[in-house]
Protein backbone atom coordinates (compact mmCIF):
# COMPACT_ATOMS: atom_id res chain seq x y z
CA MET A 1 54.68 13.83 57.17
CA LYS A 2 56.57 15.21 54.18
CA MET A 3 57.08 13.19 51.03
CA ASP A 4 60.57 11.78 50.42
CA ALA A 5 61.18 14.11 47.49
CA VAL A 6 60.46 17.15 49.68
CA VAL A 7 62.76 15.91 52.45
CA ARG A 8 65.56 15.29 49.93
CA GLN A 9 65.10 18.74 48.39
CA GLU A 10 65.04 20.55 51.73
CA GLY A 11 68.02 18.53 52.97
CA MET A 12 70.05 19.37 49.90
CA GLU A 13 69.13 23.04 50.21
CA ALA A 14 70.23 23.03 53.86
CA LEU A 15 73.54 21.36 52.99
CA ILE A 16 74.23 23.80 50.17
CA GLU A 17 73.34 26.77 52.36
CA LYS A 18 75.68 25.62 55.13
CA LEU A 19 78.52 24.04 53.12
CA GLY A 20 78.25 25.40 49.59
CA LYS A 21 77.60 23.26 46.51
CA VAL A 22 80.98 21.55 46.29
CA ASP A 23 81.26 20.57 49.95
CA ALA A 24 77.60 19.52 50.06
CA GLU A 25 78.26 17.06 47.25
CA ARG A 26 81.46 15.99 48.96
CA PHE A 27 79.56 15.37 52.21
CA ILE A 28 77.04 13.17 50.42
CA SER A 29 79.86 11.27 48.74
CA LEU A 30 81.56 10.67 52.10
CA ILE A 31 78.35 9.45 53.71
CA ILE A 32 77.69 7.03 50.85
CA LYS A 33 81.26 5.64 50.85
CA GLU A 34 81.60 5.01 54.57
CA PRO A 35 79.48 2.77 56.71
CA PHE A 36 77.91 5.40 58.92
CA ASP A 37 75.17 4.98 61.48
CA TYR A 38 73.79 8.47 62.07
CA THR A 39 71.68 7.28 65.00
CA LYS A 40 74.66 5.84 66.88
CA TRP A 41 76.77 8.91 66.08
CA HIS A 42 74.03 11.23 67.27
CA GLU A 43 73.54 9.27 70.49
CA SER A 44 77.22 9.66 71.37
CA LEU A 45 77.57 13.24 70.13
CA PHE A 46 77.18 14.82 73.56
CA GLU A 47 78.35 11.86 75.61
CA GLY A 48 80.29 12.89 78.68
CA LEU A 49 78.99 16.46 78.71
CA THR A 50 77.15 17.78 81.71
CA VAL A 51 73.88 19.63 81.23
CA ARG A 52 75.72 22.87 82.01
CA GLU A 53 78.40 22.17 79.38
CA LEU A 54 75.76 21.33 76.80
CA SER A 55 73.89 24.52 77.68
CA GLU A 56 77.07 26.58 77.30
CA LYS A 57 77.72 25.04 73.87
CA ALA A 58 74.17 25.85 72.82
CA MET A 59 74.46 29.44 74.03
CA ASP A 60 77.80 29.88 72.22
CA TYR A 61 76.22 28.55 69.05
CA VAL A 62 73.31 31.00 69.30
CA GLU A 63 75.68 33.90 69.92
CA LYS A 64 77.74 33.03 66.85
CA LYS A 65 74.61 32.72 64.69
CA GLN A 66 73.38 36.14 65.83
CA LYS A 67 76.64 37.81 64.79
CA TYR A 68 76.11 36.83 61.15
C-alpha cells in the first residue's frame, strides 16, 4: 500500500496531466465545497447501461486515446 503523501502526489499529477493546473485546482475546490460521495457517484455512474453499451463506451474511449 502506498503512503498517503505518494497517493496525493500521484493524484495531483494525474489531475494536472488531464485537466491542466488551473482546472485541477478548480476540481479540488469544487470537491471540497460540495458534499460529494464518490462511492455513491461511482456506483451509479453506469447505472442503466447494458454490458454491450458499457463495452461500446470503453472501446470508444480506447480509440480516442489511441488517436492522441
